[in-house]
N, C-alpha and C. Protein backbone atom coordinates (compact mmCIF):
# COMPACT_ATOMS: atom_id res chain seq x y z
N MET A 1 -39.52 23.35 -1.15
CA MET A 1 -40.26 22.24 -0.80
C MET A 1 -39.76 21.18 -1.18
N GLU A 2 -39.87 20.58 -0.80
CA GLU A 2 -39.96 18.81 -1.45
C GLU A 2 -39.99 17.92 -2.36
N GLN A 3 -40.53 17.46 -2.77
CA GLN A 3 -41.30 16.71 -4.12
C GLN A 3 -41.48 14.99 -3.99
N HIS A 4 -42.69 14.91 -4.43
CA HIS A 4 -42.19 13.19 -4.21
C HIS A 4 -42.66 12.76 -5.81
N LEU A 5 -42.03 11.55 -5.87
CA LEU A 5 -42.68 10.83 -7.15
C LEU A 5 -43.62 9.92 -6.49
N TYR A 6 -45.37 9.76 -7.08
CA TYR A 6 -45.86 9.10 -7.96
C TYR A 6 -46.21 8.68 -9.33
N PHE A 7 -46.94 7.57 -9.84
CA PHE A 7 -47.87 7.49 -10.54
C PHE A 7 -49.52 6.78 -10.24
N ILE A 8 -50.05 7.01 -10.70
CA ILE A 8 -51.27 6.02 -11.02
C ILE A 8 -51.66 5.02 -11.72
N ALA A 9 -51.71 3.63 -11.12
CA ALA A 9 -52.51 2.87 -11.97
C ALA A 9 -53.78 2.25 -11.26
N ILE A 10 -53.97 1.10 -11.99
CA ILE A 10 -55.57 0.60 -12.16
C ILE A 10 -53.38 -1.08 -11.60
N VAL A 11 -53.74 -2.31 -9.88
CA VAL A 11 -53.20 -1.79 -9.68
C VAL A 11 -54.28 -3.96 -9.62
N PRO A 12 -53.49 -5.03 -10.03
CA PRO A 12 -54.74 -6.17 -9.92
C PRO A 12 -54.95 -6.58 -9.15
N PRO A 13 -55.16 -7.91 -8.39
CA PRO A 13 -55.31 -8.36 -7.55
C PRO A 13 -54.65 -8.67 -7.04
N PRO A 14 -54.31 -9.09 -5.70
CA PRO A 14 -53.12 -9.83 -4.86
C PRO A 14 -52.40 -11.21 -5.82
N HIS A 15 -53.78 -12.42 -6.25
CA HIS A 15 -53.13 -13.57 -7.52
C HIS A 15 -52.84 -13.07 -8.03
N ILE A 16 -53.09 -12.42 -9.32
CA ILE A 16 -52.15 -11.70 -9.80
C ILE A 16 -51.43 -11.09 -9.91
N ARG A 17 -51.45 -10.80 -9.21
CA ARG A 17 -49.96 -9.69 -9.29
C ARG A 17 -48.42 -10.62 -8.70
N ASP A 18 -48.59 -11.81 -7.77
CA ASP A 18 -48.27 -13.09 -8.09
C ASP A 18 -48.21 -13.18 -8.94
N GLU A 19 -48.66 -13.56 -9.60
CA GLU A 19 -48.64 -14.57 -10.15
C GLU A 19 -47.55 -13.78 -11.34
N VAL A 20 -47.75 -12.20 -11.78
CA VAL A 20 -46.96 -11.74 -12.60
C VAL A 20 -45.45 -11.48 -12.04
N CYS A 21 -45.48 -11.15 -10.35
CA CYS A 21 -44.10 -11.24 -9.31
C CYS A 21 -43.17 -12.45 -10.78
N LEU A 22 -43.59 -13.81 -9.49
CA LEU A 22 -43.38 -14.87 -10.71
C LEU A 22 -42.17 -14.59 -12.07
N ILE A 23 -42.95 -13.57 -13.05
CA ILE A 23 -42.86 -13.47 -14.23
C ILE A 23 -41.29 -12.97 -14.08
N LYS A 24 -41.37 -11.45 -13.93
CA LYS A 24 -41.04 -10.56 -13.28
C LYS A 24 -39.80 -11.52 -12.05
N LYS A 25 -39.24 -12.27 -11.48
CA LYS A 25 -38.48 -12.70 -10.59
C LYS A 25 -38.11 -13.82 -11.81
N GLU A 26 -38.56 -15.10 -12.64
CA GLU A 26 -38.11 -15.14 -13.43
C GLU A 26 -37.22 -15.09 -15.02
N LEU A 27 -37.90 -13.17 -14.77
CA LEU A 27 -36.82 -13.41 -15.89
C LEU A 27 -35.08 -12.83 -15.49
N CYS A 28 -35.00 -12.40 -14.16
CA CYS A 28 -34.16 -11.78 -13.60
C CYS A 28 -33.10 -12.72 -13.00
N GLU A 29 -33.70 -13.65 -12.66
CA GLU A 29 -32.62 -15.02 -11.97
C GLU A 29 -31.76 -15.30 -13.67
N ASN A 30 -33.32 -15.73 -14.42
CA ASN A 30 -32.40 -15.81 -16.14
C ASN A 30 -32.11 -15.38 -16.86
N TYR A 31 -32.66 -13.45 -16.47
CA TYR A 31 -31.93 -12.48 -17.61
C TYR A 31 -30.21 -11.51 -16.72
N GLY A 32 -30.79 -11.96 -15.46
CA GLY A 32 -29.96 -11.00 -14.54
C GLY A 32 -31.41 -9.49 -14.95
N ILE A 33 -32.54 -9.24 -15.43
CA ILE A 33 -33.07 -8.20 -15.80
C ILE A 33 -33.80 -8.08 -14.26
N LYS A 34 -33.73 -7.22 -13.25
CA LYS A 34 -34.51 -6.55 -11.98
C LYS A 34 -35.77 -5.86 -12.05
N HIS A 35 -35.41 -4.19 -13.26
CA HIS A 35 -35.84 -3.26 -13.24
C HIS A 35 -37.43 -2.68 -12.31
N ALA A 36 -38.23 -4.33 -13.38
CA ALA A 36 -38.80 -4.52 -13.62
C ALA A 36 -39.54 -4.22 -11.29
N LEU A 37 -38.98 -5.37 -11.06
CA LEU A 37 -39.66 -5.26 -10.18
C LEU A 37 -39.70 -4.53 -9.17
N LYS A 38 -39.28 -2.96 -9.69
CA LYS A 38 -38.92 -1.90 -8.36
C LYS A 38 -40.67 -1.53 -7.73
N SER A 39 -41.44 -1.95 -9.02
CA SER A 39 -42.98 -1.61 -8.90
C SER A 39 -43.79 -3.14 -8.57
N PRO A 40 -45.35 -3.01 -7.49
CA PRO A 40 -46.18 -3.53 -7.77
C PRO A 40 -46.92 -3.67 -9.41
N ALA A 41 -46.43 -4.91 -9.46
CA ALA A 41 -48.11 -5.89 -11.30
C ALA A 41 -48.91 -4.00 -10.67
N HIS A 42 -49.19 -3.90 -12.37
CA HIS A 42 -50.12 -2.76 -13.11
C HIS A 42 -50.27 -2.28 -13.61
N ILE A 43 -52.02 -1.45 -14.22
CA ILE A 43 -51.91 -1.36 -15.52
C ILE A 43 -50.85 0.87 -15.81
N THR A 44 -50.22 0.79 -16.14
CA THR A 44 -50.33 2.55 -15.58
C THR A 44 -51.45 3.53 -16.64
N LEU A 45 -52.40 4.32 -15.55
CA LEU A 45 -52.87 5.79 -15.84
C LEU A 45 -52.22 6.89 -16.10
N GLN A 46 -51.20 7.11 -15.30
CA GLN A 46 -50.46 8.34 -15.25
C GLN A 46 -49.08 8.33 -14.54
N MET A 47 -48.85 8.14 -15.63
CA MET A 47 -46.95 8.24 -16.33
C MET A 47 -46.53 8.60 -14.34
N PRO A 48 -45.07 8.39 -13.91
CA PRO A 48 -44.43 10.02 -12.94
C PRO A 48 -44.84 10.27 -13.39
N PHE A 49 -45.26 11.37 -12.22
CA PHE A 49 -44.81 12.61 -11.21
C PHE A 49 -44.43 13.58 -10.50
N ARG A 50 -44.12 14.73 -10.52
CA ARG A 50 -44.19 15.36 -8.74
C ARG A 50 -44.65 15.95 -8.07
N ARG A 51 -45.40 15.68 -6.86
CA ARG A 51 -45.61 16.53 -6.35
C ARG A 51 -44.97 17.09 -4.43
N SER A 52 -45.73 18.07 -4.24
CA SER A 52 -45.71 18.26 -2.61
C SER A 52 -45.16 17.90 -2.17
N ALA A 53 -46.16 17.77 -0.40
CA ALA A 53 -46.67 17.28 0.64
C ALA A 53 -48.24 18.43 0.74
N GLY A 54 -48.48 19.50 0.38
CA GLY A 54 -49.05 20.71 0.23
C GLY A 54 -49.81 19.57 -0.79
N GLU A 55 -49.70 20.48 -2.38
CA GLU A 55 -49.77 19.27 -3.55
C GLU A 55 -50.55 18.19 -3.17
N GLU A 56 -50.05 16.71 -2.11
CA GLU A 56 -50.15 15.14 -2.19
C GLU A 56 -51.42 15.61 -2.03
N THR A 57 -52.06 16.59 -0.89
CA THR A 57 -53.30 16.37 -0.25
C THR A 57 -54.06 16.70 -0.86
N ILE A 58 -54.44 17.15 -2.05
CA ILE A 58 -55.77 18.08 -2.66
C ILE A 58 -55.29 16.95 -4.19
N LEU A 59 -53.72 16.35 -4.80
CA LEU A 59 -54.33 15.35 -5.36
C LEU A 59 -55.18 13.80 -4.66
N ILE A 60 -54.76 13.37 -3.44
CA ILE A 60 -55.62 12.28 -3.07
C ILE A 60 -57.61 12.81 -2.70
N GLY A 61 -58.08 13.91 -2.28
CA GLY A 61 -58.76 14.28 -1.84
C GLY A 61 -59.09 13.87 -4.11
N ALA A 62 -58.71 14.36 -4.10
CA ALA A 62 -59.68 14.62 -6.11
C ALA A 62 -59.28 13.29 -6.27
N LEU A 63 -58.39 12.41 -6.86
CA LEU A 63 -58.42 11.19 -6.73
C LEU A 63 -59.07 9.69 -6.18
N ARG A 64 -59.87 10.60 -4.80
CA ARG A 64 -61.03 9.89 -3.80
C ARG A 64 -62.94 10.42 -4.71
N HIS A 65 -62.37 10.85 -4.53
CA HIS A 65 -63.23 11.96 -5.38
C HIS A 65 -64.15 11.90 -7.21
N PHE A 66 -62.45 11.03 -7.56
CA PHE A 66 -63.03 10.10 -9.33
C PHE A 66 -62.79 8.99 -8.69
N ALA A 67 -62.25 8.60 -7.60
CA ALA A 67 -63.29 6.55 -7.64
C ALA A 67 -64.11 5.84 -6.71
N GLU A 68 -65.35 7.67 -6.05
CA GLU A 68 -66.47 7.49 -5.77
C GLU A 68 -66.39 6.81 -7.01
N ASN A 69 -66.84 7.71 -7.76
CA ASN A 69 -68.10 6.88 -8.86
C ASN A 69 -67.76 6.97 -10.17
N MET A 70 -65.99 5.89 -9.68
CA MET A 70 -65.93 5.78 -11.22
C MET A 70 -67.40 3.70 -11.36
N ARG A 71 -66.80 3.78 -12.90
CA ARG A 71 -68.44 2.48 -12.69
C ARG A 71 -66.78 1.75 -11.72
N PRO A 72 -66.76 0.66 -12.75
CA PRO A 72 -66.39 -0.74 -12.73
C PRO A 72 -65.77 -1.77 -14.01
N VAL A 73 -64.19 -1.40 -14.33
CA VAL A 73 -64.06 -2.08 -15.78
C VAL A 73 -63.23 -2.63 -15.98
N PRO A 74 -63.54 -3.84 -16.78
CA PRO A 74 -63.23 -5.28 -16.22
C PRO A 74 -62.04 -4.92 -17.59
N ILE A 75 -60.89 -6.64 -17.25
CA ILE A 75 -59.47 -6.52 -17.36
C ILE A 75 -59.28 -7.39 -17.55
N VAL A 76 -59.01 -8.00 -19.57
CA VAL A 76 -58.31 -8.81 -19.46
C VAL A 76 -56.48 -9.08 -19.97
N LEU A 77 -56.49 -10.27 -18.73
CA LEU A 77 -54.73 -9.86 -20.05
C LEU A 77 -54.76 -11.37 -20.74
N ASP A 78 -54.28 -10.55 -21.73
CA ASP A 78 -53.63 -12.16 -22.69
C ASP A 78 -52.61 -11.80 -23.63
N GLY A 79 -51.80 -13.50 -22.95
CA GLY A 79 -50.90 -12.81 -23.63
C GLY A 79 -49.62 -11.86 -23.54
N PHE A 80 -48.68 -11.88 -24.18
CA PHE A 80 -47.51 -11.16 -24.21
C PHE A 80 -46.72 -10.13 -25.00
N GLY A 81 -46.87 -8.45 -25.05
CA GLY A 81 -46.56 -7.82 -26.36
C GLY A 81 -45.46 -7.29 -25.70
N SER A 82 -44.64 -6.50 -27.31
CA SER A 82 -42.75 -5.76 -26.94
C SER A 82 -43.45 -4.46 -27.37
N PHE A 83 -42.28 -3.68 -27.23
CA PHE A 83 -42.33 -1.73 -27.41
C PHE A 83 -40.21 -2.69 -27.61
N PRO A 84 -40.25 -3.02 -28.89
CA PRO A 84 -38.81 -3.24 -28.88
C PRO A 84 -38.01 -1.79 -29.35
N PRO A 85 -36.07 -1.72 -28.64
CA PRO A 85 -35.84 -2.44 -27.54
C PRO A 85 -35.92 -2.76 -26.53
N GLY A 86 -36.10 -2.37 -25.29
CA GLY A 86 -36.27 -2.26 -24.11
C GLY A 86 -38.26 -2.81 -23.16
N VAL A 87 -39.29 -3.52 -23.66
CA VAL A 87 -40.42 -3.93 -22.80
C VAL A 87 -40.68 -5.09 -23.58
N ILE A 88 -40.96 -5.61 -22.50
CA ILE A 88 -41.85 -7.00 -22.57
C ILE A 88 -43.12 -6.95 -21.78
N TYR A 89 -44.31 -6.81 -22.34
CA TYR A 89 -45.46 -7.13 -21.54
C TYR A 89 -46.15 -7.56 -21.33
N ILE A 90 -47.02 -8.27 -20.44
CA ILE A 90 -48.90 -8.47 -20.43
C ILE A 90 -49.39 -7.42 -21.28
N ALA A 91 -49.83 -7.89 -22.36
CA ALA A 91 -51.04 -7.99 -23.57
C ALA A 91 -52.80 -7.01 -22.05
N LEU A 92 -52.82 -6.77 -23.27
CA LEU A 92 -54.64 -6.04 -22.83
C LEU A 92 -55.71 -6.61 -23.76
N LYS A 93 -56.99 -7.50 -23.41
CA LYS A 93 -57.44 -7.54 -24.04
C LYS A 93 -58.64 -6.55 -24.52
N GLY A 94 -59.22 -5.60 -25.38
CA GLY A 94 -60.27 -4.96 -25.57
C GLY A 94 -60.54 -4.08 -23.78
N HIS A 95 -59.53 -3.02 -24.18
CA HIS A 95 -59.54 -2.27 -23.44
C HIS A 95 -59.97 -0.42 -24.17
N SER A 96 -61.12 -0.79 -24.54
CA SER A 96 -61.34 0.86 -24.64
C SER A 96 -62.74 1.47 -23.46
N ARG A 97 -62.91 0.06 -22.40
CA ARG A 97 -63.06 1.45 -20.93
C ARG A 97 -62.21 1.63 -20.28
N LEU A 98 -61.22 1.08 -20.77
CA LEU A 98 -59.78 1.66 -19.96
C LEU A 98 -59.29 3.28 -20.69
N ILE A 99 -59.40 3.38 -21.75
CA ILE A 99 -59.20 4.39 -22.38
C ILE A 99 -59.60 5.48 -21.96
N ALA A 100 -61.73 5.19 -22.45
CA ALA A 100 -62.50 6.59 -20.79
C ALA A 100 -61.68 6.18 -19.94
N LEU A 101 -61.57 5.31 -19.46
CA LEU A 101 -61.97 5.62 -18.09
C LEU A 101 -60.38 7.00 -17.70
N ARG A 102 -59.03 6.62 -18.42
CA ARG A 102 -58.05 7.47 -17.91
C ARG A 102 -58.49 8.75 -19.22
N GLN A 103 -59.35 9.17 -20.08
CA GLN A 103 -59.83 9.85 -20.52
C GLN A 103 -60.54 11.39 -19.08
N GLU A 104 -61.12 9.95 -18.51
CA GLU A 104 -62.11 11.25 -17.96
C GLU A 104 -60.63 11.33 -15.88
N LEU A 105 -59.99 10.74 -16.07
CA LEU A 105 -58.93 11.03 -15.40
C LEU A 105 -57.95 12.45 -15.53
N GLN A 106 -58.20 12.16 -16.29
CA GLN A 106 -57.35 13.04 -17.01
C GLN A 106 -57.76 15.00 -16.83
N LYS A 107 -59.02 14.35 -17.17
CA LYS A 107 -60.14 15.41 -16.69
C LYS A 107 -59.59 16.15 -15.36
N ILE A 108 -59.75 15.65 -14.15
CA ILE A 108 -59.50 15.59 -13.06
C ILE A 108 -57.95 16.51 -12.69
N LEU A 109 -56.74 15.38 -13.05
CA LEU A 109 -55.57 15.58 -13.32
C LEU A 109 -55.38 17.20 -13.17
N SER A 110 -55.93 17.20 -14.91
CA SER A 110 -55.35 18.79 -15.07
C SER A 110 -56.19 20.03 -14.86
N GLY A 111 -57.82 19.54 -14.11
CA GLY A 111 -58.19 20.26 -13.38
C GLY A 111 -57.61 21.30 -11.56
N PRO A 112 -58.39 20.27 -10.75
CA PRO A 112 -58.67 20.77 -9.54
C PRO A 112 -56.54 19.78 -8.82
N CYS A 113 -56.04 19.25 -9.43
CA CYS A 113 -54.50 19.12 -9.75
C CYS A 113 -53.89 20.11 -10.23
N GLY A 114 -54.42 20.46 -11.14
CA GLY A 114 -52.92 21.93 -12.02
C GLY A 114 -51.69 21.13 -12.69
N PHE A 115 -52.28 19.76 -13.13
CA PHE A 115 -51.40 18.90 -14.50
C PHE A 115 -50.81 19.17 -15.81
N SER A 116 -49.89 20.20 -15.49
CA SER A 116 -49.30 20.33 -17.14
C SER A 116 -49.87 19.71 -18.53
N ASP A 117 -50.77 20.57 -19.92
CA ASP A 117 -50.11 19.18 -21.20
C ASP A 117 -49.21 18.62 -21.32
N THR A 118 -48.11 18.58 -20.23
CA THR A 118 -47.10 17.99 -19.93
C THR A 118 -46.87 16.91 -19.50
N GLU A 119 -46.74 17.22 -18.38
CA GLU A 119 -46.85 16.10 -17.98
C GLU A 119 -47.90 15.06 -17.99
N MET A 120 -49.02 15.09 -18.60
CA MET A 120 -50.48 14.51 -19.44
C MET A 120 -50.57 13.71 -20.73
N LYS A 121 -49.15 13.83 -20.73
CA LYS A 121 -48.35 13.69 -22.61
C LYS A 121 -47.82 12.96 -23.53
N HIS A 122 -48.89 11.72 -22.98
CA HIS A 122 -48.11 10.64 -23.43
C HIS A 122 -48.62 9.73 -23.81
N LYS A 123 -48.86 8.61 -25.33
CA LYS A 123 -49.06 7.50 -25.76
C LYS A 123 -49.77 5.96 -25.26
N PHE A 124 -50.66 6.28 -24.15
CA PHE A 124 -51.62 5.64 -23.60
C PHE A 124 -51.60 4.44 -24.33
N HIS A 125 -50.87 3.24 -24.46
CA HIS A 125 -50.94 2.27 -25.04
C HIS A 125 -51.01 0.57 -23.67
N PRO A 126 -52.45 0.45 -22.83
CA PRO A 126 -52.30 -0.31 -21.59
C PRO A 126 -52.21 -1.97 -21.07
N HIS A 127 -50.80 -1.97 -20.92
CA HIS A 127 -49.75 -2.97 -20.75
C HIS A 127 -49.83 -3.55 -18.92
N MET A 128 -49.82 -4.56 -18.83
CA MET A 128 -48.98 -4.79 -17.45
C MET A 128 -47.16 -5.61 -18.01
N THR A 129 -46.04 -4.51 -17.47
CA THR A 129 -44.66 -4.23 -18.08
C THR A 129 -44.40 -5.51 -17.45
N VAL A 130 -43.59 -6.30 -17.93
CA VAL A 130 -43.01 -7.56 -17.21
C VAL A 130 -40.99 -7.65 -17.31
N ALA A 131 -40.15 -6.44 -18.49
CA ALA A 131 -39.87 -6.67 -18.20
C ALA A 131 -39.51 -4.97 -19.06
N THR A 132 -37.99 -4.54 -18.53
CA THR A 132 -37.68 -2.69 -18.92
C THR A 132 -36.86 -1.97 -18.52
N ARG A 133 -36.41 -1.37 -20.23
CA ARG A 133 -35.35 -1.13 -19.34
C ARG A 133 -33.59 -1.15 -18.86
N ASP A 134 -34.07 -2.62 -18.50
CA ASP A 134 -32.31 -3.31 -18.61
C ASP A 134 -32.37 -4.33 -18.78
N ILE A 135 -32.98 -4.58 -20.88
CA ILE A 135 -32.77 -6.17 -20.80
C ILE A 135 -31.83 -5.18 -21.75
N PRO A 136 -30.91 -7.08 -21.85
CA PRO A 136 -29.48 -6.19 -22.41
C PRO A 136 -29.63 -7.25 -24.06
N GLU A 137 -29.64 -4.96 -24.89
CA GLU A 137 -29.99 -5.77 -25.96
C GLU A 137 -29.34 -7.30 -26.36
N ALA A 138 -28.19 -6.96 -26.56
CA ALA A 138 -28.33 -8.92 -27.19
C ALA A 138 -29.39 -9.80 -26.72
N SER A 139 -30.04 -9.87 -25.31
CA SER A 139 -30.78 -10.57 -25.10
C SER A 139 -32.24 -10.41 -25.61
N TYR A 140 -32.80 -9.48 -26.00
CA TYR A 140 -33.80 -8.85 -26.88
C TYR A 140 -34.51 -10.08 -27.29
N ASN A 141 -34.08 -10.14 -28.18
CA ASN A 141 -34.47 -10.44 -29.63
C ASN A 141 -35.03 -12.59 -29.18
N GLU A 142 -33.79 -12.39 -28.56
CA GLU A 142 -33.62 -14.12 -27.74
C GLU A 142 -35.03 -14.69 -26.56
N LEU A 143 -34.91 -13.01 -25.24
CA LEU A 143 -35.99 -13.01 -25.00
C LEU A 143 -37.91 -13.30 -26.20
N TRP A 144 -37.78 -12.29 -27.10
CA TRP A 144 -39.27 -12.34 -26.96
C TRP A 144 -39.51 -13.59 -28.76
N GLU A 145 -39.35 -13.81 -28.27
CA GLU A 145 -38.52 -15.01 -29.17
C GLU A 145 -39.77 -15.81 -28.56
N ILE A 146 -39.00 -16.36 -26.81
CA ILE A 146 -39.97 -17.17 -25.95
C ILE A 146 -41.53 -16.25 -25.68
N PHE A 147 -40.67 -15.03 -25.16
CA PHE A 147 -42.26 -14.98 -24.17
C PHE A 147 -43.85 -14.50 -25.72
N GLY A 148 -42.99 -14.16 -26.50
CA GLY A 148 -43.92 -13.53 -28.05
C GLY A 148 -45.15 -15.12 -28.02
N LYS A 149 -43.92 -16.85 -28.07
CA LYS A 149 -45.13 -17.42 -28.52
C LYS A 149 -45.45 -17.86 -26.99
N ARG A 150 -45.50 -17.73 -25.78
CA ARG A 150 -46.16 -18.29 -24.37
C ARG A 150 -47.41 -18.14 -24.12
N THR A 151 -47.95 -18.12 -23.55
CA THR A 151 -49.45 -17.60 -22.91
C THR A 151 -49.98 -17.02 -22.00
N PHE A 152 -50.50 -16.61 -21.66
CA PHE A 152 -50.22 -15.82 -20.35
C PHE A 152 -52.53 -15.24 -19.85
N GLN A 153 -53.01 -15.89 -19.44
CA GLN A 153 -54.35 -15.63 -19.05
C GLN A 153 -54.86 -15.45 -18.28
N ALA A 154 -55.05 -13.98 -17.75
CA ALA A 154 -55.89 -13.62 -15.95
C ALA A 154 -57.69 -12.77 -16.47
N SER A 155 -58.53 -13.01 -15.80
CA SER A 155 -59.19 -11.14 -16.47
C SER A 155 -59.59 -11.29 -14.21
N PHE A 156 -59.71 -9.48 -14.16
CA PHE A 156 -59.76 -9.40 -13.57
C PHE A 156 -60.94 -7.96 -13.48
N VAL A 157 -61.86 -7.06 -12.24
CA VAL A 157 -62.40 -6.32 -12.79
C VAL A 157 -61.89 -5.21 -11.69
N ALA A 158 -61.53 -3.89 -11.83
CA ALA A 158 -61.07 -2.28 -11.71
C ALA A 158 -61.59 -2.25 -11.12
N ARG A 159 -62.14 -2.42 -9.61
CA ARG A 159 -63.30 -1.18 -8.75
C ARG A 159 -62.87 0.09 -8.27
N GLY A 160 -61.23 0.45 -8.45
CA GLY A 160 -60.96 1.65 -8.37
C GLY A 160 -60.15 1.53 -8.53
N ILE A 161 -59.00 2.73 -8.13
CA ILE A 161 -57.62 2.68 -8.97
C ILE A 161 -56.67 3.73 -8.35
N THR A 162 -54.93 3.63 -8.09
CA THR A 162 -54.31 3.03 -7.02
C THR A 162 -52.98 4.84 -7.26
N LEU A 163 -52.85 4.81 -6.17
CA LEU A 163 -51.26 5.83 -6.38
C LEU A 163 -50.23 5.11 -5.19
N LEU A 164 -49.45 5.29 -6.54
CA LEU A 164 -48.28 4.51 -5.82
C LEU A 164 -47.09 5.87 -5.21
N LYS A 165 -45.89 5.15 -4.47
CA LYS A 165 -45.34 6.20 -4.60
C LYS A 165 -44.12 5.96 -4.48
N HIS A 166 -42.91 6.74 -4.96
CA HIS A 166 -41.21 6.21 -5.06
C HIS A 166 -40.83 6.01 -3.69
N ASN A 167 -39.52 5.07 -2.92
CA ASN A 167 -39.94 5.65 -2.03
C ASN A 167 -38.05 5.20 -1.20
N GLY A 168 -37.55 6.24 -2.81
CA GLY A 168 -36.32 5.59 -2.63
C GLY A 168 -35.67 5.33 -3.41
N LYS A 169 -35.95 3.46 -3.44
CA LYS A 169 -35.67 2.08 -4.13
C LYS A 169 -36.37 2.12 -5.10
N TYR A 170 -37.94 1.50 -4.03
CA TYR A 170 -38.99 1.32 -5.37
C TYR A 170 -39.88 2.23 -4.88
N TRP A 171 -41.14 1.13 -6.35
CA TRP A 171 -42.27 1.95 -5.99
C TRP A 171 -43.34 0.71 -5.44
N GLU A 172 -44.08 1.68 -3.84
CA GLU A 172 -44.39 1.67 -2.90
C GLU A 172 -46.43 1.43 -3.45
N ILE A 173 -47.40 0.94 -2.67
CA ILE A 173 -48.67 0.59 -3.06
C ILE A 173 -48.79 2.21 -1.52
N PHE A 174 -49.51 3.55 -2.49
CA PHE A 174 -49.53 4.55 -0.94
C PHE A 174 -50.76 4.70 -0.73
N ARG A 175 -52.26 4.66 -1.59
CA ARG A 175 -53.39 5.14 -1.58
C ARG A 175 -54.16 4.34 -2.62
N GLU A 176 -54.89 3.11 -2.47
CA GLU A 176 -56.54 2.76 -2.90
C GLU A 176 -58.05 3.62 -2.81
N PHE A 177 -57.91 3.72 -3.50
CA PHE A 177 -58.98 4.45 -3.54
C PHE A 177 -59.82 3.91 -4.93
N GLY A 178 -60.84 3.98 -4.09
CA GLY A 178 -62.37 3.00 -4.71
C GLY A 178 -64.41 3.03 -4.46
N PRO A 179 -64.76 2.46 -5.05
CA PRO A 179 -66.80 3.19 -4.12
C PRO A 179 -66.50 3.05 -2.75
N THR A 180 -66.23 1.80 -2.61
CA THR A 180 -66.05 2.17 -0.92
C THR A 180 -64.83 2.12 -0.59
N GLN A 181 -63.88 2.92 -0.44
CA GLN A 181 -62.39 3.09 -0.10
C GLN A 181 -61.55 1.54 0.05
N MET A 182 -61.59 1.02 -1.29
CA MET A 182 -60.52 -0.36 -1.16
C MET A 182 -59.73 0.04 0.32
């Protein structure tokens, strides 16, 4: 049975997605870094995983139920950070509510959705990636010198979660879930 690739995230409102996309395009044009352009701006809650069409139905139902009871989570984006030598991201400030949200989500994923410990086992450091995987090693220090000093500030209230699905070339917003089924 064919399996599809998904991940679960908080996706910011369109105006912030557009701002982040401009940064990703700048990195592509100036440094040839384009991998991060394969997904909309997001904060990953659950790393990529594979599921069949039948499992997708169960997943969608569980995420819908989870998000119906989700309390709004304030998100404050503030400056840049990095995971040397291959990731530059927009940093989040004060993300304890986001960590709690992820812990609640993991209960749903490990229960009704049957996620294994291995699928959920990754260190959670909330961030919004702007460059990843294809940063030339020789360019990393130069990039971090620029972005480490650069400012970026935005905020929004996350009122739901998003299921993204890979179409074979890039990630697409597949379903959005929230108290009013966004």
